[in-house]
Amino acid sequence: ELEMGLLLGQRDGFVSMFYPSYPTAYYEELGINLDT
């Protein structure tokens, strides 16, 4: 569901998540800084 929002171009509006952390290494490889 996180990816759905990101693919829709809504990274800046991301405010909450279920789990304590999400795997973000592949975002970093793509040059996307995702602050969880």
PDB file of all heavy atoms in Angstrom:
ATOM      1  N   GLU A   1       0.830  -1.206   0.000  1.00  0.00           N
ATOM      2  CA  GLU A   1       0.000   0.000   0.000  1.00  0.00           C
ATOM      3  C   GLU A   1       0.868   1.261   0.000  1.00  0.00           C
ATOM      4  O   GLU A   1       0.515   2.268  -0.609  1.00  0.00           O
ATOM      5  CB  GLU A   1      -0.958  -0.029   1.187  1.00  0.00           C
ATOM      6  CG  GLU A   1      -1.995  -1.119   0.996  1.00  0.00           C
ATOM      7  CD  GLU A   1      -2.559  -1.686   2.283  1.00  0.00           C
ATOM      8  OE1 GLU A   1      -1.932  -1.517   3.347  1.00  0.00           O
ATOM      9  OE2 GLU A   1      -3.614  -2.320   2.209  1.00  0.00           O
ATOM     10  N   LEU A   2       2.010   1.187   0.668  1.00  0.00           N
ATOM     11  CA  LEU A   2       2.959   2.299   0.631  1.00  0.00           C
ATOM     12  C   LEU A   2       3.406   2.545  -0.807  1.00  0.00           C
ATOM     13  O   LEU A   2       3.430   3.674  -1.279  1.00  0.00           O
ATOM     14  CB  LEU A   2       4.165   1.999   1.522  1.00  0.00           C
ATOM     15  CG  LEU A   2       5.341   2.965   1.425  1.00  0.00           C
ATOM     16  CD1 LEU A   2       4.947   4.363   1.854  1.00  0.00           C
ATOM     17  CD2 LEU A   2       6.502   2.460   2.261  1.00  0.00           C
ATOM     18  N   GLU A   3       3.727   1.465  -1.509  1.00  0.00           N
ATOM     19  CA  GLU A   3       4.164   1.599  -2.902  1.00  0.00           C
ATOM     20  C   GLU A   3       3.076   2.189  -3.782  1.00  0.00           C
ATOM     21  O   GLU A   3       3.363   2.959  -4.696  1.00  0.00           O
ATOM     22  CB  GLU A   3       4.611   0.248  -3.457  1.00  0.00           C
ATOM     23  CG  GLU A   3       6.070   0.046  -3.269  1.00  0.00           C
ATOM     24  CD  GLU A   3       6.612  -1.168  -3.984  1.00  0.00           C
ATOM     25  OE1 GLU A   3       6.129  -1.533  -5.070  1.00  0.00           O
ATOM     26  OE2 GLU A   3       7.547  -1.749  -3.432  1.00  0.00           O
ATOM     27  N   MET A   4       1.830   1.829  -3.523  1.00  0.00           N
ATOM     28  CA  MET A   4       0.729   2.402  -4.309  1.00  0.00           C
ATOM     29  C   MET A   4       0.742   3.928  -4.209  1.00  0.00           C
ATOM     30  O   MET A   4       0.627   4.622  -5.210  1.00  0.00           O
ATOM     31  CB  MET A   4      -0.622   1.876  -3.826  1.00  0.00           C
ATOM     32  CG  MET A   4      -0.948   0.498  -4.274  1.00  0.00           C
ATOM     33  SD  MET A   4      -2.614   0.077  -3.729  1.00  0.00           S
ATOM     34  CE  MET A   4      -2.272  -1.394  -2.787  1.00  0.00           C
ATOM     35  N   GLY A   5       0.857   4.429  -3.001  1.00  0.00           N
ATOM     36  CA  GLY A   5       0.885   5.877  -2.813  1.00  0.00           C
ATOM     37  C   GLY A   5       2.085   6.527  -3.472  1.00  0.00           C
ATOM     38  O   GLY A   5       1.975   7.574  -4.091  1.00  0.00           O
ATOM     39  N   LEU A   6       3.242   5.870  -3.358  1.00  0.00           N
ATOM     40  CA  LEU A   6       4.452   6.425  -3.961  1.00  0.00           C
ATOM     41  C   LEU A   6       4.355   6.427  -5.484  1.00  0.00           C
ATOM     42  O   LEU A   6       4.754   7.392  -6.142  1.00  0.00           O
ATOM     43  CB  LEU A   6       5.676   5.625  -3.515  1.00  0.00           C
ATOM     44  CG  LEU A   6       5.998   5.695  -2.024  1.00  0.00           C
ATOM     45  CD1 LEU A   6       7.174   4.792  -1.694  1.00  0.00           C
ATOM     46  CD2 LEU A   6       6.268   7.121  -1.592  1.00  0.00           C
ATOM     47  N   LEU A   7       3.802   5.354  -6.048  1.00  0.00           N
ATOM     48  CA  LEU A   7       3.661   5.274  -7.504  1.00  0.00           C
ATOM     49  C   LEU A   7       2.682   6.306  -8.038  1.00  0.00           C
ATOM     50  O   LEU A   7       2.767   6.710  -9.196  1.00  0.00           O
ATOM     51  CB  LEU A   7       3.229   3.873  -7.926  1.00  0.00           C
ATOM     52  CG  LEU A   7       4.313   2.803  -7.752  1.00  0.00           C
ATOM     53  CD1 LEU A   7       3.741   1.411  -7.994  1.00  0.00           C
ATOM     54  CD2 LEU A   7       5.489   3.059  -8.672  1.00  0.00           C
ATOM     55  N   LEU A   8       1.774   6.756  -7.191  1.00  0.00           N
ATOM     56  CA  LEU A   8       0.842   7.808  -7.593  1.00  0.00           C
ATOM     57  C   LEU A   8       1.443   9.206  -7.395  1.00  0.00           C
ATOM     58  O   LEU A   8       0.772  10.210  -7.584  1.00  0.00           O
ATOM     59  CB  LEU A   8      -0.469   7.677  -6.805  1.00  0.00           C
ATOM     60  CG  LEU A   8      -1.314   6.460  -7.175  1.00  0.00           C
ATOM     61  CD1 LEU A   8      -2.453   6.293  -6.185  1.00  0.00           C
ATOM     62  CD2 LEU A   8      -1.843   6.593  -8.595  1.00  0.00           C
ATOM     63  N   GLY A   9       2.715   9.237  -6.995  1.00  0.00           N
ATOM     64  CA  GLY A   9       3.409  10.511  -6.865  1.00  0.00           C
ATOM     65  C   GLY A   9       3.086  11.276  -5.596  1.00  0.00           C
ATOM     66  O   GLY A   9       3.230  12.490  -5.549  1.00  0.00           O
ATOM     67  N   GLN A  10       2.681  10.566  -4.542  1.00  0.00           N
ATOM     68  CA  GLN A  10       2.239  11.237  -3.319  1.00  0.00           C
ATOM     69  C   GLN A  10       3.200  11.047  -2.147  1.00  0.00           C
ATOM     70  O   GLN A  10       2.779  10.952  -1.003  1.00  0.00           O
ATOM     71  CB  GLN A  10       0.843  10.727  -2.936  1.00  0.00           C
ATOM     72  CG  GLN A  10      -0.203  10.995  -3.983  1.00  0.00           C
ATOM     73  CD  GLN A  10      -0.339  12.469  -4.280  1.00  0.00           C
ATOM     74  OE1 GLN A  10      -0.421  13.282  -3.374  1.00  0.00           O
ATOM     75  NE2 GLN A  10      -0.347  12.824  -5.549  1.00  0.00           N
ATOM     76  N   ARG A  11       4.500  11.008  -2.410  1.00  0.00           N
ATOM     77  CA  ARG A  11       5.486  10.787  -1.344  1.00  0.00           C
ATOM     78  C   ARG A  11       5.387  11.834  -0.236  1.00  0.00           C
ATOM     79  O   ARG A  11       5.467  11.520   0.946  1.00  0.00           O
ATOM     80  CB  ARG A  11       6.889  10.770  -1.927  1.00  0.00           C
ATOM     81  CG  ARG A  11       7.946  10.520  -0.851  1.00  0.00           C
ATOM     82  CD  ARG A  11       9.314  10.522  -1.404  1.00  0.00           C
ATOM     83  NE  ARG A  11       9.655  11.877  -1.822  1.00  0.00           N
ATOM     84  CZ  ARG A  11      10.786  12.205  -2.403  1.00  0.00           C
ATOM     85  NH1 ARG A  11      11.683  11.303  -2.661  1.00  0.00           N
ATOM     86  NH2 ARG A  11      11.027  13.461  -2.742  1.00  0.00           N
ATOM     87  N   ASP A  12       5.206  13.084  -0.591  1.00  0.00           N
ATOM     88  CA  ASP A  12       5.207  14.152   0.413  1.00  0.00           C
ATOM     89  C   ASP A  12       4.015  14.080   1.365  1.00  0.00           C
ATOM     90  O   ASP A  12       4.082  14.585   2.471  1.00  0.00           O
ATOM     91  CB  ASP A  12       5.236  15.522  -0.263  1.00  0.00           C
ATOM     92  CG  ASP A  12       6.549  15.763  -0.978  1.00  0.00           C
ATOM     93  OD1 ASP A  12       7.554  15.119  -0.617  1.00  0.00           O
ATOM     94  OD2 ASP A  12       6.569  16.590  -1.907  1.00  0.00           O
ATOM     95  N   GLY A  13       2.929  13.445   0.956  1.00  0.00           N
ATOM     96  CA  GLY A  13       1.744  13.374   1.800  1.00  0.00           C
ATOM     97  C   GLY A  13       1.703  12.183   2.732  1.00  0.00           C
ATOM     98  O   GLY A  13       0.765  12.010   3.505  1.00  0.00           O
ATOM     99  N   PHE A  14       2.738  11.341   2.713  1.00  0.00           N
ATOM    100  CA  PHE A  14       2.801  10.124   3.526  1.00  0.00           C
ATOM    101  C   PHE A  14       2.984  10.490   4.996  1.00  0.00           C
ATOM    102  O   PHE A  14       3.983  11.070   5.381  1.00  0.00           O
ATOM    103  CB  PHE A  14       3.960   9.269   3.008  1.00  0.00           C
ATOM    104  CG  PHE A  14       4.254   8.033   3.786  1.00  0.00           C
ATOM    105  CD1 PHE A  14       3.251   7.152   4.144  1.00  0.00           C
ATOM    106  CD2 PHE A  14       5.552   7.735   4.138  1.00  0.00           C
ATOM    107  CE1 PHE A  14       3.538   6.003   4.855  1.00  0.00           C
ATOM    108  CE2 PHE A  14       5.847   6.584   4.846  1.00  0.00           C
ATOM    109  CZ  PHE A  14       4.838   5.715   5.203  1.00  0.00           C
ATOM    110  N   VAL A  15       1.969  10.180   5.857  1.00  0.00           N
ATOM    111  CA  VAL A  15       2.033  10.600   7.263  1.00  0.00           C
ATOM    112  C   VAL A  15       1.971   9.467   8.280  1.00  0.00           C
ATOM    113  O   VAL A  15       2.338   9.662   9.434  1.00  0.00           O
ATOM    114  CB  VAL A  15       0.913  11.620   7.608  1.00  0.00           C
ATOM    115  CG1 VAL A  15       1.106  12.905   6.832  1.00  0.00           C
ATOM    116  CG2 VAL A  15      -0.462  11.033   7.391  1.00  0.00           C
ATOM    117  N   SER A  16       1.481   8.293   7.895  1.00  0.00           N
ATOM    118  CA  SER A  16       1.368   7.222   8.898  1.00  0.00           C
ATOM    119  C   SER A  16       1.556   5.856   8.264  1.00  0.00           C
ATOM    120  O   SER A  16       1.358   5.671   7.067  1.00  0.00           O
ATOM    121  CB  SER A  16       0.004   7.278   9.589  1.00  0.00           C
ATOM    122  OG  SER A  16      -1.031   6.947   8.689  1.00  0.00           O
ATOM    123  N   MET A  17       1.943   4.910   9.103  1.00  0.00           N
ATOM    124  CA  MET A  17       2.150   3.538   8.654  1.00  0.00           C
ATOM    125  C   MET A  17       1.842   2.575   9.789  1.00  0.00           C
ATOM    126  O   MET A  17       1.776   2.969  10.947  1.00  0.00           O
ATOM    127  CB  MET A  17       3.570   3.352   8.150  1.00  0.00           C
ATOM    128  CG  MET A  17       4.636   3.717   9.145  1.00  0.00           C
ATOM    129  SD  MET A  17       6.215   3.867   8.325  1.00  0.00           S
ATOM    130  CE  MET A  17       7.238   2.966   9.447  1.00  0.00           C
ATOM    131  N   PHE A  18       1.626   1.323   9.440  1.00  0.00           N
ATOM    132  CA  PHE A  18       1.268   0.313  10.426  1.00  0.00           C
ATOM    133  C   PHE A  18       2.469  -0.169  11.228  1.00  0.00           C
ATOM    134  O   PHE A  18       2.464  -0.152  12.442  1.00  0.00           O
ATOM    135  CB  PHE A  18       0.663  -0.879   9.694  1.00  0.00           C
ATOM    136  CG  PHE A  18      -0.752  -1.183  10.079  1.00  0.00           C
ATOM    137  CD1 PHE A  18      -1.683  -0.186  10.248  1.00  0.00           C
ATOM    138  CD2 PHE A  18      -1.164  -2.484  10.243  1.00  0.00           C
ATOM    139  CE1 PHE A  18      -2.987  -0.468  10.583  1.00  0.00           C
ATOM    140  CE2 PHE A  18      -2.466  -2.781  10.581  1.00  0.00           C
ATOM    141  CZ  PHE A  18      -3.377  -1.785  10.747  1.00  0.00           C
ATOM    142  N   TYR A  19       3.462  -0.635  10.527  1.00  0.00           N
ATOM    143  CA  TYR A  19       4.565  -1.343  11.158  1.00  0.00           C
ATOM    144  C   TYR A  19       5.669  -0.387  11.617  1.00  0.00           C
ATOM    145  O   TYR A  19       5.790   0.717  11.101  1.00  0.00           O
ATOM    146  CB  TYR A  19       5.124  -2.384  10.189  1.00  0.00           C
ATOM    147  CG  TYR A  19       4.065  -3.352   9.749  1.00  0.00           C
ATOM    148  CD1 TYR A  19       3.483  -3.256   8.491  1.00  0.00           C
ATOM    149  CD2 TYR A  19       3.597  -4.334  10.612  1.00  0.00           C
ATOM    150  CE1 TYR A  19       2.484  -4.126   8.098  1.00  0.00           C
ATOM    151  CE2 TYR A  19       2.589  -5.199  10.232  1.00  0.00           C
ATOM    152  CZ  TYR A  19       2.045  -5.099   8.976  1.00  0.00           C
ATOM    153  OH  TYR A  19       1.043  -5.948   8.600  1.00  0.00           O
ATOM    154  N   PRO A  20       6.506  -0.831  12.576  1.00  0.00           N
ATOM    155  CA  PRO A  20       7.583   0.031  13.067  1.00  0.00           C
ATOM    156  C   PRO A  20       8.571   0.451  11.981  1.00  0.00           C
ATOM    157  O   PRO A  20       9.180   1.489  12.073  1.00  0.00           O
ATOM    158  CB  PRO A  20       8.276  -0.825  14.122  1.00  0.00           C
ATOM    159  CG  PRO A  20       7.258  -1.828  14.532  1.00  0.00           C
ATOM    160  CD  PRO A  20       6.402  -2.071  13.324  1.00  0.00           C
ATOM    161  N   SER A  21       8.722  -0.362  10.949  1.00  0.00           N
ATOM    162  CA  SER A  21       9.634   0.011   9.860  1.00  0.00           C
ATOM    163  C   SER A  21       9.229  -0.726   8.591  1.00  0.00           C
ATOM    164  O   SER A  21       8.561  -1.759   8.638  1.00  0.00           O
ATOM    165  CB  SER A  21      11.076  -0.332  10.221  1.00  0.00           C
ATOM    166  OG  SER A  21      11.224  -1.727  10.342  1.00  0.00           O
ATOM    167  N   TYR A  22       9.618  -0.173   7.494  1.00  0.00           N
ATOM    168  CA  TYR A  22       9.407  -0.784   6.186  1.00  0.00           C
ATOM    169  C   TYR A  22      10.767  -0.928   5.525  1.00  0.00           C
ATOM    170  O   TYR A  22      11.652  -0.102   5.741  1.00  0.00           O
ATOM    171  CB  TYR A  22       8.539   0.100   5.287  1.00  0.00           C
ATOM    172  CG  TYR A  22       7.077   0.141   5.634  1.00  0.00           C
ATOM    173  CD1 TYR A  22       6.382   1.337   5.584  1.00  0.00           C
ATOM    174  CD2 TYR A  22       6.380  -1.002   5.982  1.00  0.00           C
ATOM    175  CE1 TYR A  22       5.032   1.400   5.881  1.00  0.00           C
ATOM    176  CE2 TYR A  22       5.033  -0.942   6.282  1.00  0.00           C
ATOM    177  CZ  TYR A  22       4.365   0.248   6.228  1.00  0.00           C
ATOM    178  OH  TYR A  22       3.035   0.311   6.525  1.00  0.00           O
ATOM    179  N   PRO A  23      10.940  -1.947   4.687  1.00  0.00           N
ATOM    180  CA  PRO A  23      12.207  -2.039   3.953  1.00  0.00           C
ATOM    181  C   PRO A  23      12.295  -0.898   2.931  1.00  0.00           C
ATOM    182  O   PRO A  23      11.386  -0.711   2.132  1.00  0.00           O
ATOM    183  CB  PRO A  23      12.116  -3.403   3.264  1.00  0.00           C
ATOM    184  CG  PRO A  23      10.667  -3.757   3.246  1.00  0.00           C
ATOM    185  CD  PRO A  23      10.026  -3.033   4.386  1.00  0.00           C
ATOM    186  N   THR A  24      13.349  -0.123   3.003  1.00  0.00           N
ATOM    187  CA  THR A  24      13.458   1.039   2.114  1.00  0.00           C
ATOM    188  C   THR A  24      14.723   1.022   1.256  1.00  0.00           C
ATOM    189  O   THR A  24      14.952   1.961   0.501  1.00  0.00           O
ATOM    190  CB  THR A  24      13.446   2.342   2.932  1.00  0.00           C
ATOM    191  OG1 THR A  24      14.531   2.312   3.853  1.00  0.00           O
ATOM    192  CG2 THR A  24      12.135   2.530   3.668  1.00  0.00           C
ATOM    193  N   ALA A  25      15.523  -0.030   1.347  1.00  0.00           N
ATOM    194  CA  ALA A  25      16.792  -0.073   0.609  1.00  0.00           C
ATOM    195  C   ALA A  25      16.581   0.074  -0.886  1.00  0.00           C
ATOM    196  O   ALA A  25      17.348   0.771  -1.563  1.00  0.00           O
ATOM    197  CB  ALA A  25      17.533  -1.369   0.912  1.00  0.00           C
ATOM    198  N   TYR A  26      15.539  -0.546  -1.419  1.00  0.00           N
ATOM    199  CA  TYR A  26      15.337  -0.440  -2.875  1.00  0.00           C
ATOM    200  C   TYR A  26      14.902   0.956  -3.287  1.00  0.00           C
ATOM    201  O   TYR A  26      15.172   1.387  -4.391  1.00  0.00           O
ATOM    202  CB  TYR A  26      14.363  -1.506  -3.394  1.00  0.00           C
ATOM    203  CG  TYR A  26      13.058  -1.626  -2.673  1.00  0.00           C
ATOM    204  CD1 TYR A  26      11.964  -0.847  -3.029  1.00  0.00           C
ATOM    205  CD2 TYR A  26      12.905  -2.531  -1.634  1.00  0.00           C
ATOM    206  CE1 TYR A  26      10.759  -0.974  -2.365  1.00  0.00           C
ATOM    207  CE2 TYR A  26      11.710  -2.659  -0.963  1.00  0.00           C
ATOM    208  CZ  TYR A  26      10.637  -1.881  -1.336  1.00  0.00           C
ATOM    209  OH  TYR A  26       9.444  -1.996  -0.676  1.00  0.00           O
ATOM    210  N   TYR A  27      14.254   1.696  -2.407  1.00  0.00           N
ATOM    211  CA  TYR A  27      13.935   3.091  -2.724  1.00  0.00           C
ATOM    212  C   TYR A  27      15.217   3.913  -2.800  1.00  0.00           C
ATOM    213  O   TYR A  27      15.384   4.753  -3.669  1.00  0.00           O
ATOM    214  CB  TYR A  27      13.001   3.706  -1.680  1.00  0.00           C
ATOM    215  CG  TYR A  27      11.645   3.063  -1.623  1.00  0.00           C
ATOM    216  CD1 TYR A  27      11.194   2.446  -0.473  1.00  0.00           C
ATOM    217  CD2 TYR A  27      10.806   3.072  -2.729  1.00  0.00           C
ATOM    218  CE1 TYR A  27       9.940   1.855  -0.422  1.00  0.00           C
ATOM    219  CE2 TYR A  27       9.554   2.484  -2.683  1.00  0.00           C
ATOM    220  CZ  TYR A  27       9.134   1.876  -1.523  1.00  0.00           C
ATOM    221  OH  TYR A  27       7.901   1.295  -1.483  1.00  0.00           O
ATOM    222  N   GLU A  28      16.112   3.670  -1.851  1.00  0.00           N
ATOM    223  CA  GLU A  28      17.379   4.392  -1.823  1.00  0.00           C
ATOM    224  C   GLU A  28      18.189   4.124  -3.090  1.00  0.00           C
ATOM    225  O   GLU A  28      18.825   5.030  -3.630  1.00  0.00           O
ATOM    226  CB  GLU A  28      18.170   4.011  -0.574  1.00  0.00           C
ATOM    227  CG  GLU A  28      17.518   4.515   0.698  1.00  0.00           C
ATOM    228  CD  GLU A  28      18.068   3.887   1.964  1.00  0.00           C
ATOM    229  OE1 GLU A  28      19.117   3.193   1.882  1.00  0.00           O
ATOM    230  OE2 GLU A  28      17.472   4.077   3.026  1.00  0.00           O
ATOM    231  N   GLU A  29      18.159   2.872  -3.571  1.00  0.00           N
ATOM    232  CA  GLU A  29      18.869   2.546  -4.807  1.00  0.00           C
ATOM    233  C   GLU A  29      18.306   3.310  -5.998  1.00  0.00           C
ATOM    234  O   GLU A  29      19.019   3.596  -6.954  1.00  0.00           O
ATOM    235  CB  GLU A  29      18.804   1.040  -5.081  1.00  0.00           C
ATOM    236  CG  GLU A  29      19.711   0.227  -4.191  1.00  0.00           C
ATOM    237  CD  GLU A  29      19.725  -1.240  -4.551  1.00  0.00           C
ATOM    238  OE1 GLU A  29      19.545  -1.575  -5.740  1.00  0.00           O
ATOM    239  OE2 GLU A  29      19.917  -2.056  -3.644  1.00  0.00           O
ATOM    240  N   LEU A  30      17.021   3.644  -5.948  1.00  0.00           N
ATOM    241  CA  LEU A  30      16.386   4.404  -7.018  1.00  0.00           C
ATOM    242  C   LEU A  30      16.526   5.917  -6.826  1.00  0.00           C
ATOM    243  O   LEU A  30      16.019   6.698  -7.620  1.00  0.00           O
ATOM    244  CB  LEU A  30      14.895   4.045  -7.109  1.00  0.00           C
ATOM    245  CG  LEU A  30      14.586   2.606  -7.520  1.00  0.00           C
ATOM    246  CD1 LEU A  30      13.096   2.326  -7.361  1.00  0.00           C
ATOM    247  CD2 LEU A  30      15.026   2.362  -8.950  1.00  0.00           C
ATOM    248  N   GLY A  31      17.195   6.308  -5.733  1.00  0.00           N
ATOM    249  CA  GLY A  31      17.388   7.730  -5.465  1.00  0.00           C
ATOM    250  C   GLY A  31      16.203   8.388  -4.785  1.00  0.00           C
ATOM    251  O   GLY A  31      16.076   9.609  -4.784  1.00  0.00           O
ATOM    252  N   ILE A  32      15.316   7.586  -4.186  1.00  0.00           N
ATOM    253  CA  ILE A  32      14.143   8.116  -3.493  1.00  0.00           C
ATOM    254  C   ILE A  32      14.422   8.116  -1.994  1.00  0.00           C
ATOM    255  O   ILE A  32      14.629   7.068  -1.395  1.00  0.00           O
ATOM    256  CB  ILE A  32      12.888   7.270  -3.790  1.00  0.00           C
ATOM    257  CG1 ILE A  32      12.595   7.289  -5.286  1.00  0.00           C
ATOM    258  CG2 ILE A  32      11.697   7.773  -2.984  1.00  0.00           C
ATOM    259  CD1 ILE A  32      11.530   6.301  -5.715  1.00  0.00           C
ATOM    260  N   ASN A  33      14.452   9.289  -1.394  1.00  0.00           N
ATOM    261  CA  ASN A  33      14.658   9.400   0.048  1.00  0.00           C
ATOM    262  C   ASN A  33      13.300   9.293   0.731  1.00  0.00           C
ATOM    263  O   ASN A  33      12.470  10.181   0.615  1.00  0.00           O
ATOM    264  CB  ASN A  33      15.325  10.731   0.394  1.00  0.00           C
ATOM    265  CG  ASN A  33      15.564  10.868   1.875  1.00  0.00           C
ATOM    266  OD1 ASN A  33      15.560   9.888   2.607  1.00  0.00           O
ATOM    267  ND2 ASN A  33      15.747  12.085   2.324  1.00  0.00           N
ATOM    268  N   LEU A  34      13.073   8.194   1.421  1.00  0.00           N
ATOM    269  CA  LEU A  34      11.800   7.961   2.089  1.00  0.00           C
ATOM    270  C   LEU A  34      12.018   7.946   3.600  1.00  0.00           C
ATOM    271  O   LEU A  34      12.605   7.017   4.140  1.00  0.00           O
ATOM    272  CB  LEU A  34      11.194   6.640   1.621  1.00  0.00           C
ATOM    273  CG  LEU A  34       9.820   6.309   2.159  1.00  0.00           C
ATOM    274  CD1 LEU A  34       8.801   7.349   1.702  1.00  0.00           C
ATOM    275  CD2 LEU A  34       9.391   4.937   1.687  1.00  0.00           C
ATOM    276  N   ASP A  35      11.559   8.977   4.266  1.00  0.00           N
ATOM    277  CA  ASP A  35      11.706   9.095   5.714  1.00  0.00           C
ATOM    278  C   ASP A  35      10.555   8.362   6.399  1.00  0.00           C
ATOM    279  O   ASP A  35       9.432   8.848   6.417  1.00  0.00           O
ATOM    280  CB  ASP A  35      11.710  10.565   6.111  1.00  0.00           C
ATOM    281  CG  ASP A  35      11.668  10.760   7.606  1.00  0.00           C
ATOM    282  OD1 ASP A  35      12.120   9.871   8.341  1.00  0.00           O
ATOM    283  OD2 ASP A  35      11.179  11.815   8.040  1.00  0.00           O
ATOM    284  N   THR A  36      10.837   7.193   6.957  1.00  0.00           N
ATOM    285  CA  THR A  36       9.793   6.454   7.681  1.00  0.00           C
ATOM    286  C   THR A  36       9.900   6.667   9.184  1.00  0.00           C
ATOM    287  O   THR A  36       8.971   6.342   9.911  1.00  0.00           O
ATOM    288  CB  THR A  36       9.870   4.938   7.378  1.00  0.00           C
ATOM    289  OG1 THR A  36      11.158   4.454   7.736  1.00  0.00           O
ATOM    290  CG2 THR A  36       9.596   4.658   5.917  1.00  0.00           C
TER     291      THR A  36
END
